[in-house]
Amino acid sequence: FVGLSGPYDISHHFDYEAGRGVEEISPMKPACGHSREDFHVASPAILLTKLIAMNDILEEGTVQNDDGKNDDNADVDSLLQQYGSCCPSMFLPRILMVHGMEDGTVPFTATSEAARILR
């Protein structure tokens, strides 16, 4: 997979567009839904975060909360039933992400944040 200058977090990019005053003429909002919830469903960065979290659950048998601590209330068995026992990361292809530093439409930080998630 080669990612070129992508807005990988749709909600974050919508805020960036709003700061530039172009959010109403941008195709991003109608293409990805008209709400924050829809933006999260369509965001590759959010999907990658969920995939990586599921990978951790399957490998370690634990669920971590946002603070990075184990969530003792999580139902690991239920998650394993829902997602199966295979390792989700095995379905990811090799990934190359490329983004120009002077991109005025999508800031390069969008790609660097997505790359951080993948590490």
N, C-alpha and C. Protein backbone atom coordinates (compact mmCIF):
# COMPACT_ATOMS: atom_id res chain seq x y z
N PHE A 1 0.84 -1.17 0.00
CA PHE A 1 0.00 0.00 0.00
C PHE A 1 0.88 1.23 0.00
N VAL A 2 0.58 2.19 -0.85
CA VAL A 2 1.29 3.46 -0.85
C VAL A 2 0.28 4.55 -0.52
N GLY A 3 0.49 5.24 0.59
CA GLY A 3 -0.38 6.34 1.00
C GLY A 3 0.26 7.65 0.57
N LEU A 4 -0.45 8.41 -0.24
CA LEU A 4 0.08 9.69 -0.74
C LEU A 4 -0.71 10.86 -0.17
N SER A 5 -0.09 11.62 0.71
CA SER A 5 -0.66 12.88 1.21
C SER A 5 -2.10 12.76 1.65
N GLY A 6 -2.42 11.74 2.40
CA GLY A 6 -3.81 11.50 2.76
C GLY A 6 -4.25 12.15 4.04
N PRO A 7 -5.52 12.56 4.09
CA PRO A 7 -6.11 12.97 5.36
C PRO A 7 -6.61 11.72 6.08
N TYR A 8 -5.76 11.10 6.87
CA TYR A 8 -6.05 9.79 7.46
C TYR A 8 -7.01 9.86 8.64
N ASP A 9 -7.12 11.02 9.28
CA ASP A 9 -8.11 11.23 10.35
C ASP A 9 -9.10 12.27 9.84
N ILE A 10 -10.26 11.80 9.40
CA ILE A 10 -11.23 12.67 8.72
C ILE A 10 -11.72 13.79 9.63
N SER A 11 -12.00 13.49 10.88
CA SER A 11 -12.48 14.50 11.82
C SER A 11 -11.43 15.59 12.03
N HIS A 12 -10.19 15.18 12.18
CA HIS A 12 -9.10 16.15 12.35
C HIS A 12 -8.95 17.01 11.10
N HIS A 13 -9.05 16.38 9.93
CA HIS A 13 -8.91 17.14 8.69
C HIS A 13 -10.09 18.10 8.49
N PHE A 14 -11.28 17.70 8.91
CA PHE A 14 -12.43 18.60 8.82
C PHE A 14 -12.17 19.86 9.66
N ASP A 15 -11.60 19.68 10.86
CA ASP A 15 -11.24 20.84 11.69
C ASP A 15 -10.21 21.72 10.99
N TYR A 16 -9.25 21.09 10.33
CA TYR A 16 -8.24 21.84 9.58
C TYR A 16 -8.90 22.64 8.45
N GLU A 17 -9.83 22.01 7.74
CA GLU A 17 -10.55 22.71 6.67
C GLU A 17 -11.39 23.85 7.23
N ALA A 18 -12.03 23.63 8.38
CA ALA A 18 -12.84 24.68 9.00
C ALA A 18 -11.97 25.87 9.38
N GLY A 19 -10.76 25.60 9.83
CA GLY A 19 -9.83 26.68 10.15
C GLY A 19 -9.43 27.50 8.94
N ARG A 20 -9.50 26.88 7.78
CA ARG A 20 -9.19 27.58 6.52
C ARG A 20 -10.45 28.17 5.88
N GLY A 21 -11.63 27.84 6.45
CA GLY A 21 -12.89 28.36 5.92
C GLY A 21 -13.38 27.67 4.66
N VAL A 22 -12.95 26.44 4.42
CA VAL A 22 -13.34 25.73 3.20
C VAL A 22 -14.15 24.47 3.48
N GLU A 23 -14.56 24.26 4.72
CA GLU A 23 -15.23 23.00 5.07
C GLU A 23 -16.56 22.81 4.35
N GLU A 24 -17.24 23.89 4.00
CA GLU A 24 -18.55 23.75 3.34
C GLU A 24 -18.44 23.49 1.84
N ILE A 25 -17.31 23.83 1.23
CA ILE A 25 -17.15 23.57 -0.20
C ILE A 25 -16.29 22.32 -0.47
N SER A 26 -15.72 21.79 0.58
CA SER A 26 -14.87 20.60 0.44
C SER A 26 -15.73 19.36 0.20
N PRO A 27 -15.26 18.44 -0.63
CA PRO A 27 -15.99 17.18 -0.82
C PRO A 27 -15.84 16.21 0.35
N MET A 28 -14.99 16.53 1.31
CA MET A 28 -14.73 15.63 2.44
C MET A 28 -16.00 15.34 3.24
N LYS A 29 -16.74 16.38 3.60
CA LYS A 29 -17.92 16.20 4.45
C LYS A 29 -18.99 15.33 3.78
N PRO A 30 -19.41 15.60 2.54
CA PRO A 30 -20.43 14.73 1.94
C PRO A 30 -19.91 13.32 1.61
N ALA A 31 -18.63 13.20 1.31
CA ALA A 31 -18.08 11.89 0.96
C ALA A 31 -17.93 10.97 2.18
N CYS A 32 -17.69 11.56 3.34
CA CYS A 32 -17.41 10.75 4.54
C CYS A 32 -18.54 10.81 5.56
N GLY A 33 -19.66 11.38 5.20
CA GLY A 33 -20.76 11.50 6.15
C GLY A 33 -20.81 12.92 6.68
N HIS A 34 -21.86 13.23 7.36
CA HIS A 34 -22.06 14.60 7.80
C HIS A 34 -21.96 14.76 9.31
N SER A 35 -21.37 13.78 9.99
CA SER A 35 -21.26 13.89 11.45
C SER A 35 -19.91 13.36 11.90
N ARG A 36 -19.54 13.71 13.12
CA ARG A 36 -18.27 13.23 13.69
C ARG A 36 -18.25 11.70 13.77
N GLU A 37 -19.40 11.11 14.08
CA GLU A 37 -19.47 9.66 14.16
C GLU A 37 -19.16 9.03 12.81
N ASP A 38 -19.73 9.61 11.74
CA ASP A 38 -19.46 9.10 10.39
C ASP A 38 -18.00 9.31 10.01
N PHE A 39 -17.42 10.45 10.44
CA PHE A 39 -16.01 10.71 10.15
C PHE A 39 -15.14 9.64 10.80
N HIS A 40 -15.47 9.22 12.02
CA HIS A 40 -14.69 8.20 12.71
C HIS A 40 -14.79 6.85 11.99
N VAL A 41 -15.97 6.56 11.47
CA VAL A 41 -16.15 5.29 10.75
C VAL A 41 -15.32 5.28 9.47
N ALA A 42 -15.18 6.44 8.82
CA ALA A 42 -14.48 6.54 7.55
C ALA A 42 -12.98 6.82 7.68
N SER A 43 -12.50 7.06 8.88
CA SER A 43 -11.10 7.47 9.07
C SER A 43 -10.14 6.29 9.11
N PRO A 44 -9.22 6.22 8.16
CA PRO A 44 -8.23 5.14 8.20
C PRO A 44 -7.42 5.12 9.50
N ALA A 45 -7.11 6.29 10.05
CA ALA A 45 -6.32 6.32 11.29
C ALA A 45 -7.08 5.67 12.45
N ILE A 46 -8.38 5.90 12.53
CA ILE A 46 -9.19 5.31 13.58
C ILE A 46 -9.27 3.79 13.37
N LEU A 47 -9.47 3.38 12.12
CA LEU A 47 -9.55 1.96 11.82
C LEU A 47 -8.22 1.25 12.13
N LEU A 48 -7.11 1.90 11.81
CA LEU A 48 -5.80 1.32 12.13
C LEU A 48 -5.61 1.19 13.64
N THR A 49 -6.04 2.21 14.37
CA THR A 49 -5.92 2.17 15.83
C THR A 49 -6.70 0.99 16.39
N LYS A 50 -7.91 0.78 15.88
CA LYS A 50 -8.73 -0.35 16.34
C LYS A 50 -8.08 -1.69 15.96
N LEU A 51 -7.53 -1.77 14.76
CA LEU A 51 -6.88 -3.00 14.32
C LEU A 51 -5.68 -3.33 15.19
N ILE A 52 -4.88 -2.33 15.49
CA ILE A 52 -3.70 -2.54 16.33
C ILE A 52 -4.11 -2.93 17.75
N ALA A 53 -5.15 -2.28 18.26
CA ALA A 53 -5.64 -2.63 19.60
C ALA A 53 -6.12 -4.08 19.62
N MET A 54 -6.82 -4.50 18.57
CA MET A 54 -7.29 -5.88 18.51
C MET A 54 -6.10 -6.84 18.42
N ASN A 55 -5.09 -6.45 17.69
CA ASN A 55 -3.88 -7.27 17.61
C ASN A 55 -3.27 -7.45 18.99
N ASP A 56 -3.19 -6.38 19.76
CA ASP A 56 -2.64 -6.45 21.12
C ASP A 56 -3.47 -7.37 22.00
N ILE A 57 -4.78 -7.28 21.86
CA ILE A 57 -5.67 -8.13 22.66
C ILE A 57 -5.41 -9.59 22.34
N LEU A 58 -5.29 -9.89 21.06
CA LEU A 58 -5.09 -11.28 20.65
C LEU A 58 -3.73 -11.81 21.06
N GLU A 59 -2.71 -10.96 20.99
CA GLU A 59 -1.37 -11.41 21.35
C GLU A 59 -1.16 -11.50 22.86
N GLU A 60 -1.72 -10.54 23.60
CA GLU A 60 -1.43 -10.46 25.03
C GLU A 60 -2.57 -10.96 25.90
N GLY A 61 -3.78 -11.02 25.34
CA GLY A 61 -4.93 -11.43 26.13
C GLY A 61 -5.40 -10.38 27.11
N THR A 62 -4.98 -9.12 26.89
CA THR A 62 -5.41 -8.02 27.75
C THR A 62 -5.91 -6.87 26.90
N VAL A 63 -6.70 -6.02 27.51
CA VAL A 63 -7.19 -4.81 26.86
C VAL A 63 -6.65 -3.62 27.64
N GLN A 64 -6.12 -2.63 26.93
CA GLN A 64 -5.60 -1.45 27.61
C GLN A 64 -6.57 -0.29 27.41
N ASN A 65 -6.67 0.54 28.45
CA ASN A 65 -7.49 1.75 28.33
C ASN A 65 -6.66 2.86 27.71
N ASP A 66 -7.21 4.07 27.63
CA ASP A 66 -6.52 5.19 26.99
C ASP A 66 -5.23 5.59 27.71
N ASP A 67 -5.11 5.24 28.99
CA ASP A 67 -3.91 5.57 29.75
C ASP A 67 -2.79 4.55 29.57
N GLY A 68 -3.07 3.49 28.79
CA GLY A 68 -2.08 2.45 28.57
C GLY A 68 -2.04 1.41 29.68
N LYS A 69 -3.01 1.48 30.60
CA LYS A 69 -3.07 0.50 31.68
C LYS A 69 -4.06 -0.59 31.31
N ASN A 70 -3.87 -1.77 31.87
CA ASN A 70 -4.79 -2.87 31.59
C ASN A 70 -6.17 -2.55 32.10
N ASP A 71 -7.17 -2.83 31.28
CA ASP A 71 -8.57 -2.62 31.64
C ASP A 71 -9.12 -3.95 32.14
N ASP A 72 -9.21 -4.08 33.45
CA ASP A 72 -9.65 -5.34 34.05
C ASP A 72 -11.13 -5.62 33.81
N ASN A 73 -11.89 -4.60 33.39
CA ASN A 73 -13.33 -4.78 33.16
C ASN A 73 -13.64 -5.24 31.73
N ALA A 74 -12.63 -5.28 30.88
CA ALA A 74 -12.86 -5.67 29.48
C ALA A 74 -13.13 -7.17 29.38
N ASP A 75 -14.01 -7.51 28.47
CA ASP A 75 -14.37 -8.91 28.27
C ASP A 75 -13.57 -9.45 27.08
N VAL A 76 -12.36 -9.93 27.36
CA VAL A 76 -11.45 -10.40 26.32
C VAL A 76 -12.06 -11.58 25.57
N ASP A 77 -12.69 -12.50 26.28
CA ASP A 77 -13.28 -13.67 25.62
C ASP A 77 -14.34 -13.26 24.61
N SER A 78 -15.14 -12.28 24.96
CA SER A 78 -16.17 -11.79 24.05
C SER A 78 -15.54 -11.16 22.80
N LEU A 79 -14.46 -10.40 22.99
CA LEU A 79 -13.77 -9.79 21.85
C LEU A 79 -13.16 -10.86 20.95
N LEU A 80 -12.60 -11.89 21.55
CA LEU A 80 -12.01 -12.96 20.75
C LEU A 80 -13.08 -13.70 19.95
N GLN A 81 -14.24 -13.90 20.54
CA GLN A 81 -15.34 -14.53 19.80
C GLN A 81 -15.78 -13.66 18.64
N GLN A 82 -15.84 -12.36 18.90
CA GLN A 82 -16.32 -11.43 17.88
C GLN A 82 -15.34 -11.32 16.71
N TYR A 83 -14.05 -11.29 17.00
CA TYR A 83 -13.06 -11.03 15.96
C TYR A 83 -12.26 -12.25 15.54
N GLY A 84 -12.44 -13.36 16.20
CA GLY A 84 -11.68 -14.55 15.85
C GLY A 84 -10.34 -14.57 16.54
N SER A 85 -9.63 -15.64 16.34
CA SER A 85 -8.36 -15.77 17.05
C SER A 85 -7.15 -15.51 16.15
N CYS A 86 -7.36 -15.05 14.93
CA CYS A 86 -6.23 -14.76 14.05
C CYS A 86 -5.65 -13.38 14.37
N CYS A 87 -4.47 -13.16 13.96
CA CYS A 87 -3.79 -11.89 14.19
C CYS A 87 -4.16 -10.91 13.07
N PRO A 88 -4.89 -9.81 13.38
CA PRO A 88 -5.33 -8.89 12.34
C PRO A 88 -4.19 -8.27 11.55
N SER A 89 -3.04 -8.05 12.19
CA SER A 89 -1.94 -7.38 11.49
C SER A 89 -1.41 -8.22 10.33
N MET A 90 -1.69 -9.53 10.33
CA MET A 90 -1.20 -10.35 9.23
C MET A 90 -1.90 -10.01 7.91
N PHE A 91 -3.00 -9.28 7.97
CA PHE A 91 -3.72 -8.89 6.77
C PHE A 91 -3.27 -7.55 6.20
N LEU A 92 -2.38 -6.87 6.92
CA LEU A 92 -1.88 -5.59 6.44
C LEU A 92 -0.77 -5.81 5.42
N PRO A 93 -0.83 -5.09 4.30
CA PRO A 93 0.27 -5.20 3.34
C PRO A 93 1.45 -4.36 3.81
N ARG A 94 2.54 -4.43 3.10
CA ARG A 94 3.64 -3.51 3.35
C ARG A 94 3.13 -2.11 3.04
N ILE A 95 3.58 -1.14 3.82
CA ILE A 95 3.02 0.21 3.70
C ILE A 95 4.15 1.22 3.52
N LEU A 96 3.98 2.09 2.54
CA LEU A 96 4.86 3.23 2.31
C LEU A 96 4.00 4.48 2.34
N MET A 97 4.35 5.43 3.19
CA MET A 97 3.57 6.67 3.28
C MET A 97 4.46 7.81 2.83
N VAL A 98 3.95 8.62 1.90
CA VAL A 98 4.71 9.73 1.33
C VAL A 98 3.87 11.00 1.44
N HIS A 99 4.51 12.08 1.86
CA HIS A 99 3.79 13.35 1.97
C HIS A 99 4.78 14.50 1.85
N GLY A 100 4.45 15.48 1.03
CA GLY A 100 5.30 16.66 0.86
C GLY A 100 5.17 17.61 2.03
N MET A 101 6.27 18.22 2.41
CA MET A 101 6.29 19.15 3.55
C MET A 101 5.54 20.45 3.26
N GLU A 102 5.39 20.82 2.01
CA GLU A 102 4.76 22.10 1.68
C GLU A 102 3.36 21.94 1.12
N ASP A 103 2.71 20.84 1.43
CA ASP A 103 1.33 20.59 0.99
C ASP A 103 0.41 21.57 1.71
N GLY A 104 -0.33 22.39 0.95
CA GLY A 104 -1.23 23.37 1.54
C GLY A 104 -2.65 22.86 1.72
N THR A 105 -2.96 21.70 1.17
CA THR A 105 -4.30 21.14 1.27
C THR A 105 -4.44 20.20 2.45
N VAL A 106 -3.49 19.30 2.59
CA VAL A 106 -3.47 18.35 3.72
C VAL A 106 -2.11 18.52 4.39
N PRO A 107 -2.08 18.92 5.66
CA PRO A 107 -0.78 19.10 6.31
C PRO A 107 -0.02 17.79 6.44
N PHE A 108 1.30 17.86 6.33
CA PHE A 108 2.12 16.64 6.39
C PHE A 108 1.96 15.92 7.72
N THR A 109 1.51 16.62 8.73
CA THR A 109 1.33 15.98 10.04
C THR A 109 0.26 14.89 9.99
N ALA A 110 -0.66 14.95 9.02
CA ALA A 110 -1.67 13.90 8.87
C ALA A 110 -1.01 12.56 8.58
N THR A 111 -0.03 12.57 7.71
CA THR A 111 0.68 11.34 7.35
C THR A 111 1.61 10.91 8.47
N SER A 112 2.29 11.86 9.10
CA SER A 112 3.19 11.48 10.18
C SER A 112 2.41 10.90 11.37
N GLU A 113 1.20 11.38 11.63
CA GLU A 113 0.38 10.81 12.70
C GLU A 113 -0.06 9.39 12.34
N ALA A 114 -0.46 9.17 11.10
CA ALA A 114 -0.84 7.83 10.66
C ALA A 114 0.36 6.88 10.74
N ALA A 115 1.53 7.35 10.38
CA ALA A 115 2.73 6.53 10.49
C ALA A 115 3.06 6.21 11.94
N ARG A 116 2.83 7.17 12.84
CA ARG A 116 3.05 6.93 14.27
C ARG A 116 2.14 5.81 14.78
N ILE A 117 0.89 5.81 14.32
CA ILE A 117 -0.06 4.77 14.71
C ILE A 117 0.43 3.39 14.26
N LEU A 118 0.99 3.33 13.08
CA LEU A 118 1.46 2.05 12.53
C LEU A 118 2.71 1.52 13.23
N ARG A 119 3.49 2.39 13.83
CA ARG A 119 4.71 1.93 14.50
C ARG A 119 4.31 1.20 15.72
